[in-house]
Structures are given as structure tokens and as C-alpha cells.
Amino acid sequence: MAKRVGSRNSNESALTRGVKSVFRFVRFAEFEILFVLFFVIAFIIFKDLVGNGVALVNVDKMKVLT
């Protein structure tokens, strides 16, 4: 009898099956993971720039020329 495709290998340990399922999930949701990661990193960088006073325009040093 032919072995079914995609069936579990009875010789694999639970740890191996768990690791394979995690990698399968990461491959499936790769774009969504990278999308969220991009916004998290952008938020952290923007938060640090604004928190340190290194904004694009430093309003404190602007003077009105008359």
C-alpha cells in the first residue's frame, strides 16, 4: 500500500513536528509578519527621534524675520 502524501511520520518526535509547524506558519504568513515588523520598527525610530527633540523642524530656534 502506498504511503499517503502529507501524513505524519511516526518516527518524528513531538519537538520536530512542532518546529516544522512553526516554520510552515512563518512561510504562510511571511508578508504579514514583515508588514507588522516594518511598522513596529518605524514607530520605534520615530518615537526616539521625536522624544529626543530631533524633529524635522526645530520650532524653538525658528525666528520670525521682520
PDB file of N, CA and C in Angstrom:
ATOM      1  N   MET A   1       0.844  -1.178   0.000  1.00  0.00           N
ATOM      2  CA  MET A   1       0.000   0.000   0.000  1.00  0.00           C
ATOM      3  C   MET A   1       0.889   1.241   0.000  1.00  0.00           C
ATOM      4  N   ALA A   2       0.527   2.205  -0.818  1.00  0.00           N
ATOM      5  CA  ALA A   2       1.322   3.420  -0.933  1.00  0.00           C
ATOM      6  C   ALA A   2       1.098   4.310   0.279  1.00  0.00           C
ATOM      7  N   LYS A   3       2.166   5.004   0.647  1.00  0.00           N
ATOM      8  CA  LYS A   3       2.088   5.907   1.788  1.00  0.00           C
ATOM      9  C   LYS A   3       1.373   7.192   1.371  1.00  0.00           C
ATOM     10  N   ARG A   4       0.496   7.708   2.202  1.00  0.00           N
ATOM     11  CA  ARG A   4      -0.227   8.943   1.893  1.00  0.00           C
ATOM     12  C   ARG A   4       0.715  10.131   1.926  1.00  0.00           C
ATOM     13  N   VAL A   5       0.493  11.039   1.018  1.00  0.00           N
ATOM     14  CA  VAL A   5       1.301  12.262   0.970  1.00  0.00           C
ATOM     15  C   VAL A   5       0.818  13.195   2.073  1.00  0.00           C
ATOM     16  N   GLY A   6       1.756  13.745   2.820  1.00  0.00           N
ATOM     17  CA  GLY A   6       1.393  14.697   3.865  1.00  0.00           C
ATOM     18  C   GLY A   6       1.044  14.045   5.192  1.00  0.00           C
ATOM     19  N   SER A   7       1.151  12.760   5.291  1.00  0.00           N
ATOM     20  CA  SER A   7       0.845  12.114   6.564  1.00  0.00           C
ATOM     21  C   SER A   7       2.015  12.287   7.518  1.00  0.00           C
ATOM     22  N   ARG A   8       1.734  12.182   8.790  1.00  0.00           N
ATOM     23  CA  ARG A   8       2.779  12.346   9.792  1.00  0.00           C
ATOM     24  C   ARG A   8       3.714  11.156   9.784  1.00  0.00           C
ATOM     25  N   ASN A   9       4.966  11.456   9.946  1.00  0.00           N
ATOM     26  CA  ASN A   9       5.963  10.399  10.072  1.00  0.00           C
ATOM     27  C   ASN A   9       5.958   9.945  11.522  1.00  0.00           C
ATOM     28  N   SER A  10       5.720   8.688  11.738  1.00  0.00           N
ATOM     29  CA  SER A  10       5.630   8.197  13.116  1.00  0.00           C
ATOM     30  C   SER A  10       6.988   8.194  13.810  1.00  0.00           C
ATOM     31  N   ASN A  11       8.057   8.370  13.035  1.00  0.00           N
ATOM     32  CA  ASN A  11       9.398   8.379  13.634  1.00  0.00           C
ATOM     33  C   ASN A  11       9.791   9.766  14.140  1.00  0.00           C
ATOM     34  N   GLU A  12       9.033  10.798  13.779  1.00  0.00           N
ATOM     35  CA  GLU A  12       9.375  12.155  14.199  1.00  0.00           C
ATOM     36  C   GLU A  12       8.940  12.398  15.636  1.00  0.00           C
ATOM     37  N   SER A  13       9.778  13.113  16.355  1.00  0.00           N
ATOM     38  CA  SER A  13       9.422  13.441  17.731  1.00  0.00           C
ATOM     39  C   SER A  13       8.437  14.599  17.755  1.00  0.00           C
ATOM     40  N   ALA A  14       7.880  14.859  18.911  1.00  0.00           N
ATOM     41  CA  ALA A  14       6.934  15.968  19.060  1.00  0.00           C
ATOM     42  C   ALA A  14       7.638  17.304  18.830  1.00  0.00           C
ATOM     43  N   LEU A  15       8.899  17.396  19.251  1.00  0.00           N
ATOM     44  CA  LEU A  15       9.656  18.633  19.053  1.00  0.00           C
ATOM     45  C   LEU A  15       9.856  18.907  17.565  1.00  0.00           C
ATOM     46  N   THR A  16      10.196  17.874  16.797  1.00  0.00           N
ATOM     47  CA  THR A  16      10.389  18.035  15.358  1.00  0.00           C
ATOM     48  C   THR A  16       9.103  18.458  14.682  1.00  0.00           C
ATOM     49  N   ARG A  17       7.990  17.845  15.049  1.00  0.00           N
ATOM     50  CA  ARG A  17       6.702  18.225  14.466  1.00  0.00           C
ATOM     51  C   ARG A  17       6.342  19.657  14.831  1.00  0.00           C
ATOM     52  N   GLY A  18       6.649  20.068  16.071  1.00  0.00           N
ATOM     53  CA  GLY A  18       6.372  21.442  16.499  1.00  0.00           C
ATOM     54  C   GLY A  18       7.196  22.457  15.729  1.00  0.00           C
ATOM     55  N   VAL A  19       8.478  22.166  15.550  1.00  0.00           N
ATOM     56  CA  VAL A  19       9.357  23.086  14.814  1.00  0.00           C
ATOM     57  C   VAL A  19       8.909  23.187  13.365  1.00  0.00           C
ATOM     58  N   LYS A  20       8.532  22.061  12.769  1.00  0.00           N
ATOM     59  CA  LYS A  20       8.070  22.079  11.382  1.00  0.00           C
ATOM     60  C   LYS A  20       6.785  22.879  11.239  1.00  0.00           C
ATOM     61  N   SER A  21       5.895  22.774  12.212  1.00  0.00           N
ATOM     62  CA  SER A  21       4.646  23.527  12.118  1.00  0.00           C
ATOM     63  C   SER A  21       4.894  25.022  12.278  1.00  0.00           C
ATOM     64  N   VAL A  22       5.858  25.409  13.104  1.00  0.00           N
ATOM     65  CA  VAL A  22       6.192  26.831  13.251  1.00  0.00           C
ATOM     66  C   VAL A  22       6.765  27.368  11.950  1.00  0.00           C
ATOM     67  N   PHE A  23       7.673  26.624  11.322  1.00  0.00           N
ATOM     68  CA  PHE A  23       8.254  27.064  10.056  1.00  0.00           C
ATOM     69  C   PHE A  23       7.194  27.113   8.961  1.00  0.00           C
ATOM     70  N   ARG A  24       6.264  26.192   8.967  1.00  0.00           N
ATOM     71  CA  ARG A  24       5.177  26.191   7.987  1.00  0.00           C
ATOM     72  C   ARG A  24       4.324  27.452   8.157  1.00  0.00           C
ATOM     73  N   PHE A  25       4.043  27.814   9.415  1.00  0.00           N
ATOM     74  CA  PHE A  25       3.257  29.025   9.681  1.00  0.00           C
ATOM     75  C   PHE A  25       4.011  30.271   9.239  1.00  0.00           C
ATOM     76  N   VAL A  26       5.308  30.337   9.505  1.00  0.00           N
ATOM     77  CA  VAL A  26       6.104  31.516   9.135  1.00  0.00           C
ATOM     78  C   VAL A  26       6.149  31.662   7.620  1.00  0.00           C
ATOM     79  N   ARG A  27       6.287  30.547   6.908  1.00  0.00           N
ATOM     80  CA  ARG A  27       6.267  30.615   5.451  1.00  0.00           C
ATOM     81  C   ARG A  27       4.905  31.086   4.943  1.00  0.00           C
ATOM     82  N   PHE A  28       3.852  30.660   5.592  1.00  0.00           N
ATOM     83  CA  PHE A  28       2.496  31.028   5.171  1.00  0.00           C
ATOM     84  C   PHE A  28       2.214  32.501   5.429  1.00  0.00           C
ATOM     85  N   ALA A  29       2.665  33.040   6.554  1.00  0.00           N
ATOM     86  CA  ALA A  29       2.339  34.408   6.962  1.00  0.00           C
ATOM     87  C   ALA A  29       3.537  35.350   6.851  1.00  0.00           C
ATOM     88  N   GLU A  30       4.431  35.082   5.910  1.00  0.00           N
ATOM     89  CA  GLU A  30       5.662  35.865   5.814  1.00  0.00           C
ATOM     90  C   GLU A  30       5.376  37.342   5.537  1.00  0.00           C
ATOM     91  N   PHE A  31       4.492  37.640   4.596  1.00  0.00           N
ATOM     92  CA  PHE A  31       4.222  39.035   4.243  1.00  0.00           C
ATOM     93  C   PHE A  31       3.610  39.791   5.420  1.00  0.00           C
ATOM     94  N   GLU A  32       2.669  39.173   6.098  1.00  0.00           N
ATOM     95  CA  GLU A  32       2.017  39.849   7.210  1.00  0.00           C
ATOM     96  C   GLU A  32       2.995  40.105   8.348  1.00  0.00           C
ATOM     97  N   ILE A  33       3.878  39.163   8.603  1.00  0.00           N
ATOM     98  CA  ILE A  33       4.884  39.331   9.661  1.00  0.00           C
ATOM     99  C   ILE A  33       5.811  40.485   9.314  1.00  0.00           C
ATOM    100  N   LEU A  34       6.283  40.538   8.072  1.00  0.00           N
ATOM    101  CA  LEU A  34       7.181  41.618   7.662  1.00  0.00           C
ATOM    102  C   LEU A  34       6.466  42.968   7.665  1.00  0.00           C
ATOM    103  N   PHE A  35       5.187  42.986   7.294  1.00  0.00           N
ATOM    104  CA  PHE A  35       4.401  44.222   7.292  1.00  0.00           C
ATOM    105  C   PHE A  35       4.288  44.800   8.694  1.00  0.00           C
ATOM    106  N   VAL A  36       3.947  43.977   9.653  1.00  0.00           N
ATOM    107  CA  VAL A  36       3.816  44.423  11.043  1.00  0.00           C
ATOM    108  C   VAL A  36       5.178  44.823  11.601  1.00  0.00           C
ATOM    109  N   LEU A  37       6.204  44.046  11.288  1.00  0.00           N
ATOM    110  CA  LEU A  37       7.553  44.340  11.774  1.00  0.00           C
ATOM    111  C   LEU A  37       8.040  45.696  11.254  1.00  0.00           C
ATOM    112  N   PHE A  38       7.726  46.013   9.991  1.00  0.00           N
ATOM    113  CA  PHE A  38       8.108  47.308   9.422  1.00  0.00           C
ATOM    114  C   PHE A  38       7.491  48.449  10.222  1.00  0.00           C
ATOM    115  N   PHE A  39       6.193  48.355  10.542  1.00  0.00           N
ATOM    116  CA  PHE A  39       5.545  49.432  11.276  1.00  0.00           C
ATOM    117  C   PHE A  39       6.024  49.514  12.717  1.00  0.00           C
ATOM    118  N   VAL A  40       6.355  48.416  13.326  1.00  0.00           N
ATOM    119  CA  VAL A  40       6.884  48.442  14.692  1.00  0.00           C
ATOM    120  C   VAL A  40       8.241  49.138  14.713  1.00  0.00           C
ATOM    121  N   ILE A  41       9.107  48.783  13.765  1.00  0.00           N
ATOM    122  CA  ILE A  41      10.435  49.407  13.709  1.00  0.00           C
ATOM    123  C   ILE A  41      10.318  50.891  13.377  1.00  0.00           C
ATOM    124  N   ALA A  42       9.436  51.238  12.433  1.00  0.00           N
ATOM    125  CA  ALA A  42       9.238  52.653  12.086  1.00  0.00           C
ATOM    126  C   ALA A  42       8.710  53.435  13.278  1.00  0.00           C
ATOM    127  N   PHE A  43       7.797  52.845  14.045  1.00  0.00           N
ATOM    128  CA  PHE A  43       7.264  53.528  15.234  1.00  0.00           C
ATOM    129  C   PHE A  43       8.361  53.764  16.263  1.00  0.00           C
ATOM    130  N   ILE A  44       9.196  52.768  16.500  1.00  0.00           N
ATOM    131  CA  ILE A  44      10.274  52.911  17.494  1.00  0.00           C
ATOM    132  C   ILE A  44      11.258  54.000  17.062  1.00  0.00           C
ATOM    133  N   ILE A  45      11.627  54.007  15.786  1.00  0.00           N
ATOM    134  CA  ILE A  45      12.564  55.025  15.300  1.00  0.00           C
ATOM    135  C   ILE A  45      11.932  56.416  15.391  1.00  0.00           C
ATOM    136  N   PHE A  46      10.686  56.550  14.961  1.00  0.00           N
ATOM    137  CA  PHE A  46      10.017  57.857  15.002  1.00  0.00           C
ATOM    138  C   PHE A  46       9.847  58.337  16.434  1.00  0.00           C
ATOM    139  N   LYS A  47       9.495  57.417  17.338  1.00  0.00           N
ATOM    140  CA  LYS A  47       9.317  57.774  18.744  1.00  0.00           C
ATOM    141  C   LYS A  47      10.632  58.287  19.332  1.00  0.00           C
ATOM    142  N   ASP A  48      11.734  57.647  19.002  1.00  0.00           N
ATOM    143  CA  ASP A  48      13.029  58.082  19.510  1.00  0.00           C
ATOM    144  C   ASP A  48      13.432  59.437  18.933  1.00  0.00           C
ATOM    145  N   LEU A  49      13.156  59.660  17.651  1.00  0.00           N
ATOM    146  CA  LEU A  49      13.510  60.942  17.047  1.00  0.00           C
ATOM    147  C   LEU A  49      12.721  62.078  17.669  1.00  0.00           C
ATOM    148  N   VAL A  50      11.435  61.899  17.847  1.00  0.00           N
ATOM    149  CA  VAL A  50      10.599  62.952  18.408  1.00  0.00           C
ATOM    150  C   VAL A  50      10.890  63.132  19.896  1.00  0.00           C
ATOM    151  N   GLY A  51      11.143  62.054  20.608  1.00  0.00           N
ATOM    152  CA  GLY A  51      11.405  62.130  22.039  1.00  0.00           C
ATOM    153  C   GLY A  51      12.698  62.842  22.366  1.00  0.00           C
ATOM    154  N   ASN A  52      13.675  62.762  21.475  1.00  0.00           N
ATOM    155  CA  ASN A  52      14.958  63.413  21.719  1.00  0.00           C
ATOM    156  C   ASN A  52      14.994  64.833  21.189  1.00  0.00           C
ATOM    157  N   GLY A  53      13.895  65.304  20.612  1.00  0.00           N
ATOM    158  CA  GLY A  53      13.861  66.662  20.099  1.00  0.00           C
ATOM    159  C   GLY A  53      14.522  66.816  18.752  1.00  0.00           C
ATOM    160  N   VAL A  54      14.759  65.723  18.065  1.00  0.00           N
ATOM    161  CA  VAL A  54      15.386  65.784  16.751  1.00  0.00           C
ATOM    162  C   VAL A  54      14.288  65.617  15.705  1.00  0.00           C
ATOM    163  N   ALA A  55      13.377  66.538  15.680  1.00  0.00           N
ATOM    164  CA  ALA A  55      12.289  66.505  14.704  1.00  0.00           C
ATOM    165  C   ALA A  55      12.775  67.120  13.400  1.00  0.00           C
ATOM    166  N   LEU A  56      11.952  67.038  12.380  1.00  0.00           N
ATOM    167  CA  LEU A  56      12.345  67.597  11.090  1.00  0.00           C
ATOM    168  C   LEU A  56      12.462  69.117  11.155  1.00  0.00           C
ATOM    169  N   VAL A  57      11.633  69.757  11.965  1.00  0.00           N
ATOM    170  CA  VAL A  57      11.670  71.208  12.110  1.00  0.00           C
ATOM    171  C   VAL A  57      11.820  71.508  13.600  1.00  0.00           C
ATOM    172  N   ASN A  58      12.828  72.228  13.962  1.00  0.00           N
ATOM    173  CA  ASN A  58      13.037  72.612  15.345  1.00  0.00           C
ATOM    174  C   ASN A  58      12.373  73.967  15.566  1.00  0.00           C
ATOM    175  N   VAL A  59      11.187  73.954  16.154  1.00  0.00           N
ATOM    176  CA  VAL A  59      10.369  75.157  16.296  1.00  0.00           C
ATOM    177  C   VAL A  59      11.002  76.145  17.283  1.00  0.00           C
ATOM    178  N   ASP A  60      11.723  75.671  18.266  1.00  0.00           N
ATOM    179  CA  ASP A  60      12.312  76.559  19.279  1.00  0.00           C
ATOM    180  C   ASP A  60      13.316  77.537  18.677  1.00  0.00           C
ATOM    181  N   LYS A  61      14.008  77.157  17.637  1.00  0.00           N
ATOM    182  CA  LYS A  61      15.069  78.009  17.076  1.00  0.00           C
ATOM    183  C   LYS A  61      14.576  78.839  15.886  1.00  0.00           C
ATOM    184  N   MET A  62      13.308  78.676  15.518  1.00  0.00           N
ATOM    185  CA  MET A  62      12.786  79.460  14.385  1.00  0.00           C
ATOM    186  C   MET A  62      12.506  80.891  14.837  1.00  0.00           C
ATOM    187  N   LYS A  63      12.878  81.851  14.012  1.00  0.00           N
ATOM    188  CA  LYS A  63      12.622  83.255  14.305  1.00  0.00           C
ATOM    189  C   LYS A  63      11.821  83.848  13.164  1.00  0.00           C
ATOM    190  N   VAL A  64      10.959  84.760  13.525  1.00  0.00           N
ATOM    191  CA  VAL A  64      10.176  85.455  12.509  1.00  0.00           C
ATOM    192  C   VAL A  64      10.990  86.661  12.064  1.00  0.00           C
ATOM    193  N   LEU A  65      11.283  86.705  10.769  1.00  0.00           N
ATOM    194  CA  LEU A  65      12.071  87.818  10.235  1.00  0.00           C
ATOM    195  C   LEU A  65      11.135  88.978   9.915  1.00  0.00           C
ATOM    196  N   THR A  66      11.422  90.161  10.476  1.00  0.00           N
ATOM    197  CA  THR A  66      10.605  91.344  10.204  1.00  0.00           C
ATOM    198  C   THR A  66      11.407  92.441   9.581  1.00  0.00           C
TER     199      THR A  66
END
